Amino acid sequence: MRIFNLALIVLWLAESAFGQIPFSNPEAVGMSSDRLARISQLSKEYVDSSRVAGIVTMVARDGQIVYFESFGKRGMDDLGLLKKDDLFRIFSMTKPITAVAMMQLYEQGKFHMKDPVTKYIPELADLKVLNENGVLVPVKNQMTIQQLMTHTAGFSYGFNSNDLVDQQYSEADLWNAKDLNDFAQRISKLPLKYEPGTQWHYSIAVDLQGLIIERLSGQSLKDYFFEHILQPLQMEDTYFEVPEEKRSRFLPNHSFDRTTGKPRIIKEITSAAYSDYFHVSLYSGGGGLVSTAMDYMIFSECMRNGGTLNGKRILSPKTVKFMIKNHLNACLANSEKSGVNNQGDHFGFGLGFALNLDAPSSGVIGSAGEFNWGGAAGTVFWIDPVENISVVSMIKLMGSPWKLREDLKVAVYQSLLESYEH
């Protein structure tokens, strides 16, 4: 028993250097050490079968880390073992951080939710909608900030090569814009995919939020993040631009090769915004950050804790609660459809986070009230305020066909010895 306790102390001392969150024996917070080991088994299966090169996963409950492990390699070309503090491209997991920045400015009275977006980005004053007949028509309703923050403003991302609007997004070469001002100019020449307030559609809206943050704060998005979020929370490994001294920890990205059924390292990306993480001028609030599992756990725990961590408050708890409520009914008031039918009845969206409104309808174990998001390369986090759980998992695989996120949810929730759900 003394040897076991000594081992726990040594582990705690070693892991404490990683961040600002204490470590705990799982049983002390109602979780099973033996059952948490199934996360390790799952991770090994994914790595050993070459479905992913490597994976880092963290689980915290009641504000204490109960699981933190890494498995596999830095890359499929055998670049050495993956380490817990390696730097991942988190892509769209940047979005919740941008939402926090927006809400900090909201708390300062810099804007109102129902303000028209054109009040802050006048370049968008003449946007038109491509209607069902393929004709450009003026918008009937001005898009609001609230719609911009919930993907109901009518923008797109350009992912569907068979869609006329998305084709124009692709041709606009948005991600090679020199900065967010140039980005907005390019957007101003594109049609909306939907009339504002009629559909939920995942889009570039969060990058426009980044421009609003710059204009309201007078700072670059990079500097604003650092001063008001990253530095207060001591997130010391989260960047738009990877410092030279940390580039050895920056991981290569992979895409799923449908021919071999395995990941392959991406050698080149034509978009400067998503290839050059060393010299950045377009600060993408929608997908530009690099981070570690520990740094993102710090952010997640701050949100789970109502906007504060270790005595540093970045948002009011009431603001956080406002962010994680379902805003879609309010934002889709002009829609003939109720909710977001193509996403399922369980899906809701707040300000920067997707919401699980009903776990049984989702078909995956969890809790109503979870808020979450993921990144294009397979990273994911979720926060469960019912069970007081935060989970962060990092991989680096674009276009993954695997159900790792569902597998991970099962592995995490089956490890509970005590549920707080009533």
Foldseek 3Di string as FASTA:
>chain_A
DVVVVVVVVVVQVVCVVVADFGADAQVVQFFFPVLLCVLVVVQCVCCVVQLFQKKWKWKDFPRHTHDTDIDHALFPVRPDRADQFFKEQFFQVLLLLLLLLLVLVVVVVLDDQFAFLCVQVVLQVAAFALDPVRDTDGAPDGAGNQLLLQQQQQAAALPDCVDPQSVLNVVLLLLQQQALNSSSNSVSPGHGHDRRQAARYDHLSSLSSQSSSCRSVVHHSQVSCCPQPCVLLVQPFKGLAGDPVNVVSHGFFWEQDPVVRHTDTDPDDPRCQPPHRHDGRYCRSRGRMMGGQRSVVSVLLCLLVQQDDPHRGRDGSVSSVQQLDFCSCVRNVVYPDPDHVVVWPQWGGGRSWIFGQDVVRVVADADGSKTWDGRQQGWIWIAHNQRRMIMTMDGRYHPNPDPVVRVVRVSVVVRGSDGSHD
